[in-house]
Amino acid sequence: EAIYRVLTSKGIARDRIYLEDQSTDTYENLQNAAKIIEEKHLSKNVAVATNSFHIYRGEIFARLSGLTPYAAPAPTYLIMFPGYWAREILAVWEAWVFYQ
């Protein structure tokens, strides 16, 4: 919703934005987005826009959802890297073991 408001305030037409607001995690988000893409007959080439530490897992889940991902990483504050990377290492391990 927040990104929707930013994009429309920057002049992006409302009908070009498809809001996915049902997911509770990254995997669900990409599964739901893939359904919207399929229903709307849109390109399966997608930009995974997230923090730099989270791109790899986002790409894993995009591929599992039948999408072709391209990275669009956002910067992460250096002070936050240790905690985020530690968490992400465990989350990537979970993705490998339980989702593939």
PDB file of N, CA and C in Angstrom:
ATOM      1  N   GLU A   1       0.835  -1.192   0.000  1.00  0.00           N
ATOM      2  CA  GLU A   1       0.000   0.000   0.000  1.00  0.00           C
ATOM      3  C   GLU A   1       0.874   1.247   0.000  1.00  0.00           C
ATOM      4  N   ALA A   2       1.930   1.232   0.807  1.00  0.00           N
ATOM      5  CA  ALA A   2       2.813   2.395   0.883  1.00  0.00           C
ATOM      6  C   ALA A   2       3.497   2.648  -0.458  1.00  0.00           C
ATOM      7  N   ILE A   3       3.994   1.596  -1.075  1.00  0.00           N
ATOM      8  CA  ILE A   3       4.653   1.744  -2.373  1.00  0.00           C
ATOM      9  C   ILE A   3       3.646   2.195  -3.424  1.00  0.00           C
ATOM     10  N   TYR A   4       2.426   1.674  -3.352  1.00  0.00           N
ATOM     11  CA  TYR A   4       1.354   2.093  -4.263  1.00  0.00           C
ATOM     12  C   TYR A   4       1.169   3.612  -4.174  1.00  0.00           C
ATOM     13  N   ARG A   5       1.104   4.127  -2.955  1.00  0.00           N
ATOM     14  CA  ARG A   5       0.920   5.572  -2.769  1.00  0.00           C
ATOM     15  C   ARG A   5       2.104   6.369  -3.325  1.00  0.00           C
ATOM     16  N   VAL A   6       3.316   5.863  -3.105  1.00  0.00           N
ATOM     17  CA  VAL A   6       4.499   6.563  -3.629  1.00  0.00           C
ATOM     18  C   VAL A   6       4.479   6.558  -5.154  1.00  0.00           C
ATOM     19  N   LEU A   7       4.226   5.409  -5.752  1.00  0.00           N
ATOM     20  CA  LEU A   7       4.235   5.313  -7.213  1.00  0.00           C
ATOM     21  C   LEU A   7       3.171   6.198  -7.853  1.00  0.00           C
ATOM     22  N   THR A   8       1.957   6.182  -7.301  1.00  0.00           N
ATOM     23  CA  THR A   8       0.897   7.017  -7.884  1.00  0.00           C
ATOM     24  C   THR A   8       1.193   8.502  -7.674  1.00  0.00           C
ATOM     25  N   SER A   9       1.829   8.852  -6.564  1.00  0.00           N
ATOM     26  CA  SER A   9       2.189  10.258  -6.344  1.00  0.00           C
ATOM     27  C   SER A   9       3.268  10.722  -7.315  1.00  0.00           C
ATOM     28  N   LYS A  10       4.032   9.769  -7.853  1.00  0.00           N
ATOM     29  CA  LYS A  10       5.087  10.076  -8.830  1.00  0.00           C
ATOM     30  C   LYS A  10       4.562  10.033 -10.262  1.00  0.00           C
ATOM     31  N   GLY A  11       3.250   9.794 -10.428  1.00  0.00           N
ATOM     32  CA  GLY A  11       2.656   9.837 -11.755  1.00  0.00           C
ATOM     33  C   GLY A  11       2.420   8.498 -12.428  1.00  0.00           C
ATOM     34  N   ILE A  12       2.708   7.405 -11.741  1.00  0.00           N
ATOM     35  CA  ILE A  12       2.435   6.093 -12.322  1.00  0.00           C
ATOM     36  C   ILE A  12       0.918   5.886 -12.311  1.00  0.00           C
ATOM     37  N   ALA A  13       0.364   5.496 -13.441  1.00  0.00           N
ATOM     38  CA  ALA A  13      -1.083   5.294 -13.548  1.00  0.00           C
ATOM     39  C   ALA A  13      -1.536   4.179 -12.611  1.00  0.00           C
ATOM     40  N   ARG A  14      -2.624   4.410 -11.914  1.00  0.00           N
ATOM     41  CA  ARG A  14      -3.154   3.440 -10.953  1.00  0.00           C
ATOM     42  C   ARG A  14      -3.440   2.083 -11.597  1.00  0.00           C
ATOM     43  N   ASP A  15      -3.868   2.100 -12.852  1.00  0.00           N
ATOM     44  CA  ASP A  15      -4.215   0.825 -13.510  1.00  0.00           C
ATOM     45  C   ASP A  15      -2.994   0.010 -13.931  1.00  0.00           C
ATOM     46  N   ARG A  16      -1.795   0.558 -13.730  1.00  0.00           N
ATOM     47  CA  ARG A  16      -0.562  -0.186 -14.023  1.00  0.00           C
ATOM     48  C   ARG A  16       0.001  -0.871 -12.786  1.00  0.00           C
ATOM     49  N   ILE A  17      -0.644  -0.671 -11.641  1.00  0.00           N
ATOM     50  CA  ILE A  17      -0.151  -1.209 -10.376  1.00  0.00           C
ATOM     51  C   ILE A  17      -1.132  -2.267  -9.878  1.00  0.00           C
ATOM     52  N   TYR A  18      -0.621  -3.440  -9.585  1.00  0.00           N
ATOM     53  CA  TYR A  18      -1.434  -4.533  -9.074  1.00  0.00           C
ATOM     54  C   TYR A  18      -1.033  -4.773  -7.629  1.00  0.00           C
ATOM     55  N   LEU A  19      -1.930  -4.486  -6.730  1.00  0.00           N
ATOM     56  CA  LEU A  19      -1.654  -4.588  -5.304  1.00  0.00           C
ATOM     57  C   LEU A  19      -1.857  -6.015  -4.817  1.00  0.00           C
ATOM     58  N   GLU A  20      -0.831  -6.588  -4.210  1.00  0.00           N
ATOM     59  CA  GLU A  20      -0.918  -7.918  -3.602  1.00  0.00           C
ATOM     60  C   GLU A  20      -0.813  -7.696  -2.095  1.00  0.00           C
ATOM     61  N   ASP A  21      -1.930  -7.851  -1.405  1.00  0.00           N
ATOM     62  CA  ASP A  21      -1.946  -7.539   0.023  1.00  0.00           C
ATOM     63  C   ASP A  21      -2.415  -8.705   0.895  1.00  0.00           C
ATOM     64  N   GLN A  22      -2.289  -9.923   0.392  1.00  0.00           N
ATOM     65  CA  GLN A  22      -2.750 -11.096   1.128  1.00  0.00           C
ATOM     66  C   GLN A  22      -1.624 -11.915   1.749  1.00  0.00           C
ATOM     67  N   SER A  23      -0.402 -11.708   1.315  1.00  0.00           N
ATOM     68  CA  SER A  23       0.705 -12.563   1.757  1.00  0.00           C
ATOM     69  C   SER A  23       1.207 -12.175   3.141  1.00  0.00           C
ATOM     70  N   THR A  24       1.838 -13.156   3.787  1.00  0.00           N
ATOM     71  CA  THR A  24       2.442 -12.927   5.101  1.00  0.00           C
ATOM     72  C   THR A  24       3.949 -13.149   5.094  1.00  0.00           C
ATOM     73  N   ASP A  25       4.483 -13.614   3.947  1.00  0.00           N
ATOM     74  CA  ASP A  25       5.932 -13.793   3.834  1.00  0.00           C
ATOM     75  C   ASP A  25       6.339 -13.686   2.361  1.00  0.00           C
ATOM     76  N   THR A  26       7.615 -13.747   2.122  1.00  0.00           N
ATOM     77  CA  THR A  26       8.153 -13.564   0.773  1.00  0.00           C
ATOM     78  C   THR A  26       7.660 -14.634  -0.198  1.00  0.00           C
ATOM     79  N   TYR A  27       7.654 -15.873   0.246  1.00  0.00           N
ATOM     80  CA  TYR A  27       7.211 -16.960  -0.632  1.00  0.00           C
ATOM     81  C   TYR A  27       5.757 -16.759  -1.043  1.00  0.00           C
ATOM     82  N   GLU A  28       4.881 -16.493  -0.079  1.00  0.00           N
ATOM     83  CA  GLU A  28       3.472 -16.237  -0.399  1.00  0.00           C
ATOM     84  C   GLU A  28       3.326 -15.035  -1.319  1.00  0.00           C
ATOM     85  N   ASN A  29       4.113 -13.991  -1.067  1.00  0.00           N
ATOM     86  CA  ASN A  29       4.029 -12.788  -1.889  1.00  0.00           C
ATOM     87  C   ASN A  29       4.318 -13.098  -3.347  1.00  0.00           C
ATOM     88  N   LEU A  30       5.351 -13.881  -3.596  1.00  0.00           N
ATOM     89  CA  LEU A  30       5.703 -14.205  -4.974  1.00  0.00           C
ATOM     90  C   LEU A  30       4.732 -15.206  -5.587  1.00  0.00           C
ATOM     91  N   GLN A  31       4.202 -16.120  -4.797  1.00  0.00           N
ATOM     92  CA  GLN A  31       3.172 -17.036  -5.296  1.00  0.00           C
ATOM     93  C   GLN A  31       1.928 -16.237  -5.713  1.00  0.00           C
ATOM     94  N   ASN A  32       1.496 -15.317  -4.855  1.00  0.00           N
ATOM     95  CA  ASN A  32       0.323 -14.495  -5.161  1.00  0.00           C
ATOM     96  C   ASN A  32       0.573 -13.561  -6.337  1.00  0.00           C
ATOM     97  N   ALA A  33       1.772 -12.997  -6.400  1.00  0.00           N
ATOM     98  CA  ALA A  33       2.119 -12.120  -7.524  1.00  0.00           C
ATOM     99  C   ALA A  33       2.109 -12.912  -8.831  1.00  0.00           C
ATOM    100  N   ALA A  34       2.602 -14.143  -8.792  1.00  0.00           N
ATOM    101  CA  ALA A  34       2.606 -14.975 -10.002  1.00  0.00           C
ATOM    102  C   ALA A  34       1.177 -15.248 -10.473  1.00  0.00           C
ATOM    103  N   LYS A  35       0.251 -15.430  -9.546  1.00  0.00           N
ATOM    104  CA  LYS A  35      -1.154 -15.637  -9.918  1.00  0.00           C
ATOM    105  C   LYS A  35      -1.724 -14.395 -10.598  1.00  0.00           C
ATOM    106  N   ILE A  36      -1.421 -13.228 -10.054  1.00  0.00           N
ATOM    107  CA  ILE A  36      -1.882 -11.974 -10.659  1.00  0.00           C
ATOM    108  C   ILE A  36      -1.292 -11.821 -12.055  1.00  0.00           C
ATOM    109  N   ILE A  37      -0.004 -12.099 -12.181  1.00  0.00           N
ATOM    110  CA  ILE A  37       0.680 -12.001 -13.475  1.00  0.00           C
ATOM    111  C   ILE A  37       0.024 -12.936 -14.489  1.00  0.00           C
ATOM    112  N   GLU A  38      -0.281 -14.141 -14.057  1.00  0.00           N
ATOM    113  CA  GLU A  38      -0.939 -15.120 -14.943  1.00  0.00           C
ATOM    114  C   GLU A  38      -2.334 -14.637 -15.343  1.00  0.00           C
ATOM    115  N   GLU A  39      -3.118 -14.191 -14.379  1.00  0.00           N
ATOM    116  CA  GLU A  39      -4.490 -13.730 -14.651  1.00  0.00           C
ATOM    117  C   GLU A  39      -4.526 -12.535 -15.597  1.00  0.00           C
ATOM    118  N   LYS A  40      -3.549 -11.643 -15.450  1.00  0.00           N
ATOM    119  CA  LYS A  40      -3.509 -10.417 -16.256  1.00  0.00           C
ATOM    120  C   LYS A  40      -2.712 -10.587 -17.543  1.00  0.00           C
ATOM    121  N   HIS A  41      -2.179 -11.803 -17.763  1.00  0.00           N
ATOM    122  CA  HIS A  41      -1.382 -12.104 -18.966  1.00  0.00           C
ATOM    123  C   HIS A  41      -0.194 -11.140 -19.099  1.00  0.00           C
ATOM    124  N   LEU A  42       0.509 -10.952 -17.986  1.00  0.00           N
ATOM    125  CA  LEU A  42       1.674 -10.071 -17.960  1.00  0.00           C
ATOM    126  C   LEU A  42       2.952 -10.882 -18.141  1.00  0.00           C
ATOM    127  N   SER A  43       4.036 -10.188 -18.411  1.00  0.00           N
ATOM    128  CA  SER A  43       5.330 -10.842 -18.558  1.00  0.00           C
ATOM    129  C   SER A  43       5.753 -11.487 -17.248  1.00  0.00           C
ATOM    130  N   LYS A  44       6.343 -12.661 -17.340  1.00  0.00           N
ATOM    131  CA  LYS A  44       6.843 -13.357 -16.160  1.00  0.00           C
ATOM    132  C   LYS A  44       8.250 -12.903 -15.784  1.00  0.00           C
ATOM    133  N   ASN A  45       8.798 -11.971 -16.550  1.00  0.00           N
ATOM    134  CA  ASN A  45      10.069 -11.345 -16.195  1.00  0.00           C
ATOM    135  C   ASN A  45       9.771 -10.280 -15.146  1.00  0.00           C
ATOM    136  N   VAL A  46      10.304 -10.465 -13.938  1.00  0.00           N
ATOM    137  CA  VAL A  46       9.984  -9.559 -12.840  1.00  0.00           C
ATOM    138  C   VAL A  46      11.247  -9.030 -12.172  1.00  0.00           C
ATOM    139  N   ALA A  47      11.124  -7.852 -11.617  1.00  0.00           N
ATOM    140  CA  ALA A  47      12.195  -7.288 -10.792  1.00  0.00           C
ATOM    141  C   ALA A  47      11.897  -7.636  -9.348  1.00  0.00           C
ATOM    142  N   VAL A  48      12.845  -8.252  -8.684  1.00  0.00           N
ATOM    143  CA  VAL A  48      12.720  -8.518  -7.260  1.00  0.00           C
ATOM    144  C   VAL A  48      13.349  -7.318  -6.565  1.00  0.00           C
ATOM    145  N   ALA A  49      12.493  -6.455  -6.041  1.00  0.00           N
ATOM    146  CA  ALA A  49      12.949  -5.225  -5.386  1.00  0.00           C
ATOM    147  C   ALA A  49      12.868  -5.413  -3.880  1.00  0.00           C
ATOM    148  N   THR A  50      14.027  -5.528  -3.261  1.00  0.00           N
ATOM    149  CA  THR A  50      14.104  -5.726  -1.817  1.00  0.00           C
ATOM    150  C   THR A  50      15.497  -5.322  -1.355  1.00  0.00           C
ATOM    151  N   ASN A  51      15.752  -5.436  -0.069  1.00  0.00           N
ATOM    152  CA  ASN A  51      17.084  -5.106   0.438  1.00  0.00           C
ATOM    153  C   ASN A  51      18.128  -6.033  -0.165  1.00  0.00           C
ATOM    154  N   SER A  52      19.341  -5.533  -0.286  1.00  0.00           N
ATOM    155  CA  SER A  52      20.403  -6.290  -0.945  1.00  0.00           C
ATOM    156  C   SER A  52      20.636  -7.657  -0.309  1.00  0.00           C
ATOM    157  N   PHE A  53      20.514  -7.760   1.003  1.00  0.00           N
ATOM    158  CA  PHE A  53      20.757  -9.040   1.663  1.00  0.00           C
ATOM    159  C   PHE A  53      19.669 -10.066   1.371  1.00  0.00           C
ATOM    160  N   HIS A  54      18.509  -9.625   0.892  1.00  0.00           N
ATOM    161  CA  HIS A  54      17.338 -10.480   0.713  1.00  0.00           C
ATOM    162  C   HIS A  54      17.110 -10.879  -0.752  1.00  0.00           C
ATOM    163  N   ILE A  55      17.893 -10.347  -1.666  1.00  0.00           N
ATOM    164  CA  ILE A  55      17.698 -10.590  -3.098  1.00  0.00           C
ATOM    165  C   ILE A  55      17.800 -12.065  -3.458  1.00  0.00           C
ATOM    166  N   TYR A  56      18.814 -12.750  -2.973  1.00  0.00           N
ATOM    167  CA  TYR A  56      19.027 -14.147  -3.362  1.00  0.00           C
ATOM    168  C   TYR A  56      17.806 -14.999  -3.045  1.00  0.00           C
ATOM    169  N   ARG A  57      17.278 -14.873  -1.822  1.00  0.00           N
ATOM    170  CA  ARG A  57      16.115 -15.676  -1.435  1.00  0.00           C
ATOM    171  C   ARG A  57      14.877 -15.250  -2.231  1.00  0.00           C
ATOM    172  N   GLY A  58      14.751 -13.960  -2.488  1.00  0.00           N
ATOM    173  CA  GLY A  58      13.645 -13.498  -3.314  1.00  0.00           C
ATOM    174  C   GLY A  58      13.692 -14.117  -4.705  1.00  0.00           C
ATOM    175  N   GLU A  59      14.881 -14.231  -5.254  1.00  0.00           N
ATOM    176  CA  GLU A  59      15.034 -14.852  -6.570  1.00  0.00           C
ATOM    177  C   GLU A  59      14.703 -16.348  -6.525  1.00  0.00           C
ATOM    178  N   ILE A  60      15.082 -17.028  -5.448  1.00  0.00           N
ATOM    179  CA  ILE A  60      14.735 -18.445  -5.301  1.00  0.00           C
ATOM    180  C   ILE A  60      13.222 -18.605  -5.344  1.00  0.00           C
ATOM    181  N   PHE A  61      12.521 -17.812  -4.546  1.00  0.00           N
ATOM    182  CA  PHE A  61      11.064 -17.931  -4.468  1.00  0.00           C
ATOM    183  C   PHE A  61      10.383 -17.490  -5.761  1.00  0.00           C
ATOM    184  N   ALA A  62      10.957 -16.522  -6.453  1.00  0.00           N
ATOM    185  CA  ALA A  62      10.393 -16.101  -7.746  1.00  0.00           C
ATOM    186  C   ALA A  62      10.478 -17.255  -8.744  1.00  0.00           C
ATOM    187  N   ARG A  63      11.633 -17.903  -8.815  1.00  0.00           N
ATOM    188  CA  ARG A  63      11.785 -19.039  -9.736  1.00  0.00           C
ATOM    189  C   ARG A  63      10.825 -20.172  -9.381  1.00  0.00           C
ATOM    190  N   LEU A  64      10.673 -20.462  -8.086  1.00  0.00           N
ATOM    191  CA  LEU A  64       9.749 -21.504  -7.654  1.00  0.00           C
ATOM    192  C   LEU A  64       8.300 -21.156  -7.998  1.00  0.00           C
ATOM    193  N   SER A  65       8.028 -19.868  -8.175  1.00  0.00           N
ATOM    194  CA  SER A  65       6.684 -19.405  -8.521  1.00  0.00           C
ATOM    195  C   SER A  65       6.477 -19.328 -10.023  1.00  0.00           C
ATOM    196  N   GLY A  66       7.486 -19.745 -10.802  1.00  0.00           N
ATOM    197  CA  GLY A  66       7.369 -19.744 -12.255  1.00  0.00           C
ATOM    198  C   GLY A  66       7.718 -18.421 -12.904  1.00  0.00           C
ATOM    199  N   LEU A  67       8.400 -17.561 -12.171  1.00  0.00           N
ATOM    200  CA  LEU A  67       8.781 -16.247 -12.689  1.00  0.00           C
ATOM    201  C   LEU A  67      10.259 -16.228 -13.039  1.00  0.00           C
ATOM    202  N   THR A  68      10.654 -15.276 -13.869  1.00  0.00           N
ATOM    203  CA  THR A  68      12.062 -15.064 -14.203  1.00  0.00           C
ATOM    204  C   THR A  68      12.502 -13.779 -13.510  1.00  0.00           C
ATOM    205  N   PRO A  69      13.266 -13.913 -12.427  1.00  0.00           N
ATOM    206  CA  PRO A  69      13.612 -12.735 -11.631  1.00  0.00           C
ATOM    207  C   PRO A  69      14.862 -12.000 -12.099  1.00  0.00           C
ATOM    208  N   TYR A  70      14.835 -10.699 -11.879  1.00  0.00           N
ATOM    209  CA  TYR A  70      15.984  -9.821 -12.072  1.00  0.00           C
ATOM    210  C   TYR A  70      16.141  -9.024 -10.795  1.00  0.00           C
ATOM    211  N   ALA A  71      17.348  -8.861 -10.327  1.00  0.00           N
ATOM    212  CA  ALA A  71      17.592  -8.201  -9.048  1.00  0.00           C
ATOM    213  C   ALA A  71      17.464  -6.687  -9.156  1.00  0.00           C
ATOM    214  N   ALA A  72      16.775  -6.121  -8.163  1.00  0.00           N
ATOM    215  CA  ALA A  72      16.674  -4.667  -8.008  1.00  0.00           C
ATOM    216  C   ALA A  72      16.912  -4.368  -6.527  1.00  0.00           C
ATOM    217  N   PRO A  73      18.182  -4.516  -6.094  1.00  0.00           N
ATOM    218  CA  PRO A  73      18.463  -4.391  -4.661  1.00  0.00           C
ATOM    219  C   PRO A  73      18.444  -2.953  -4.163  1.00  0.00           C
ATOM    220  N   ALA A  74      17.914  -2.803  -2.961  1.00  0.00           N
ATOM    221  CA  ALA A  74      17.955  -1.521  -2.263  1.00  0.00           C
ATOM    222  C   ALA A  74      19.121  -1.579  -1.280  1.00  0.00           C
ATOM    223  N   PRO A  75      19.739  -0.447  -1.023  1.00  0.00           N
ATOM    224  CA  PRO A  75      20.863  -0.460  -0.086  1.00  0.00           C
ATOM    225  C   PRO A  75      20.409  -0.795   1.333  1.00  0.00           C
ATOM    226  N   THR A  76      21.328  -1.349   2.094  1.00  0.00           N
ATOM    227  CA  THR A  76      21.094  -1.673   3.499  1.00  0.00           C
ATOM    228  C   THR A  76      22.126  -0.920   4.328  1.00  0.00           C
ATOM    229  N   TYR A  77      21.683  -0.325   5.429  1.00  0.00           N
ATOM    230  CA  TYR A  77      22.621   0.368   6.311  1.00  0.00           C
ATOM    231  C   TYR A  77      23.662  -0.610   6.819  1.00  0.00           C
ATOM    232  N   LEU A  78      24.931  -0.219   6.760  1.00  0.00           N
ATOM    233  CA  LEU A  78      26.026  -1.100   7.181  1.00  0.00           C
ATOM    234  C   LEU A  78      25.862  -1.593   8.608  1.00  0.00           C
ATOM    235  N   ILE A  79      25.371  -0.763   9.483  1.00  0.00           N
ATOM    236  CA  ILE A  79      25.206  -1.158  10.880  1.00  0.00           C
ATOM    237  C   ILE A  79      24.226  -2.321  11.029  1.00  0.00           C
ATOM    238  N   MET A  80      23.326  -2.483  10.061  1.00  0.00           N
ATOM    239  CA  MET A  80      22.307  -3.527  10.116  1.00  0.00           C
ATOM    240  C   MET A  80      22.776  -4.841   9.495  1.00  0.00           C
ATOM    241  N   PHE A  81      23.869  -4.821   8.729  1.00  0.00           N
ATOM    242  CA  PHE A  81      24.315  -6.007   8.002  1.00  0.00           C
ATOM    243  C   PHE A  81      24.516  -7.251   8.861  1.00  0.00           C
ATOM    244  N   PRO A  82      25.237  -7.191   9.973  1.00  0.00           N
ATOM    245  CA  PRO A  82      25.498  -8.449  10.703  1.00  0.00           C
ATOM    246  C   PRO A  82      24.223  -9.198  11.085  1.00  0.00           C
ATOM    247  N   GLY A  83      23.272  -8.526  11.663  1.00  0.00           N
ATOM    248  CA  GLY A  83      22.031  -9.182  12.068  1.00  0.00           C
ATOM    249  C   GLY A  83      21.219  -9.677  10.895  1.00  0.00           C
ATOM    250  N   TYR A  84      21.112  -8.841   9.862  1.00  0.00           N
ATOM    251  CA  TYR A  84      20.341  -9.230   8.682  1.00  0.00           C
ATOM    252  C   TYR A  84      20.970 -10.418   7.973  1.00  0.00           C
ATOM    253  N   TRP A  85      22.295 -10.396   7.819  1.00  0.00           N
ATOM    254  CA  TRP A  85      22.954 -11.502   7.128  1.00  0.00           C
ATOM    255  C   TRP A  85      22.852 -12.796   7.918  1.00  0.00           C
ATOM    256  N   ALA A  86      22.977 -12.718   9.231  1.00  0.00           N
ATOM    257  CA  ALA A  86      22.852 -13.923  10.059  1.00  0.00           C
ATOM    258  C   ALA A  86      21.454 -14.525   9.890  1.00  0.00           C
ATOM    259  N   ARG A  87      20.436 -13.683   9.936  1.00  0.00           N
ATOM    260  CA  ARG A  87      19.060 -14.132   9.756  1.00  0.00           C
ATOM    261  C   ARG A  87      18.852 -14.703   8.360  1.00  0.00           C
ATOM    262  N   GLU A  88      19.411 -14.029   7.368  1.00  0.00           N
ATOM    263  CA  GLU A  88      19.199 -14.441   5.979  1.00  0.00           C
ATOM    264  C   GLU A  88      19.881 -15.769   5.668  1.00  0.00           C
ATOM    265  N   ILE A  89      21.013 -16.017   6.265  1.00  0.00           N
ATOM    266  CA  ILE A  89      21.695 -17.303   6.056  1.00  0.00           C
ATOM    267  C   ILE A  89      20.781 -18.440   6.496  1.00  0.00           C
ATOM    268  N   LEU A  90      20.155 -18.297   7.647  1.00  0.00           N
ATOM    269  CA  LEU A  90      19.220 -19.328   8.125  1.00  0.00           C
ATOM    270  C   LEU A  90      17.993 -19.418   7.225  1.00  0.00           C
ATOM    271  N   ALA A  91      17.499 -18.288   6.759  1.00  0.00           N
ATOM    272  CA  ALA A  91      16.310 -18.277   5.899  1.00  0.00           C
ATOM    273  C   ALA A  91      16.602 -18.907   4.534  1.00  0.00           C
ATOM    274  N   VAL A  92      17.791 -18.689   3.985  1.00  0.00           N
ATOM    275  CA  VAL A  92      18.164 -19.313   2.712  1.00  0.00           C
ATOM    276  C   VAL A  92      18.281 -20.823   2.906  1.00  0.00           C
ATOM    277  N   TRP A  93      18.876 -21.240   4.005  1.00  0.00           N
ATOM    278  CA  TRP A  93      18.952 -22.669   4.303  1.00  0.00           C
ATOM    279  C   TRP A  93      17.547 -23.259   4.350  1.00  0.00           C
ATOM    280  N   GLU A  94      16.619 -22.590   5.017  1.00  0.00           N
ATOM    281  CA  GLU A  94      15.229 -23.062   5.084  1.00  0.00           C
ATOM    282  C   GLU A  94      14.620 -23.155   3.677  1.00  0.00           C
ATOM    283  N   ALA A  95      14.885 -22.168   2.833  1.00  0.00           N
ATOM    284  CA  ALA A  95      14.356 -22.175   1.461  1.00  0.00           C
ATOM    285  C   ALA A  95      14.885 -23.373   0.686  1.00  0.00           C
ATOM    286  N   TRP A  96      16.169 -23.660   0.820  1.00  0.00           N
ATOM    287  CA  TRP A  96      16.757 -24.804   0.125  1.00  0.00           C
ATOM    288  C   TRP A  96      16.134 -26.123   0.599  1.00  0.00           C
ATOM    289  N   VAL A  97      15.995 -26.259   1.901  1.00  0.00           N
ATOM    290  CA  VAL A  97      15.547 -27.522   2.481  1.00  0.00           C
ATOM    291  C   VAL A  97      14.049 -27.744   2.317  1.00  0.00           C
ATOM    292  N   PHE A  98      13.248 -26.743   2.581  1.00  0.00           N
ATOM    293  CA  PHE A  98      11.804 -26.949   2.645  1.00  0.00           C
ATOM    294  C   PHE A  98      11.024 -26.545   1.402  1.00  0.00           C
ATOM    295  N   TYR A  99      11.594 -25.721   0.549  1.00  0.00           N
ATOM    296  CA  TYR A  99      10.825 -25.228  -0.590  1.00  0.00           C
ATOM    297  C   TYR A  99      11.236 -25.852  -1.917  1.00  0.00           C
ATOM    298  N   GLN A 100      12.443 -26.398  -2.023  1.00  0.00           N
ATOM    299  CA  GLN A 100      12.874 -26.894  -3.329  1.00  0.00           C
ATOM    300  C   GLN A 100      12.771 -28.372  -3.480  1.00  0.00           C
TER     301      GLN A 100
END
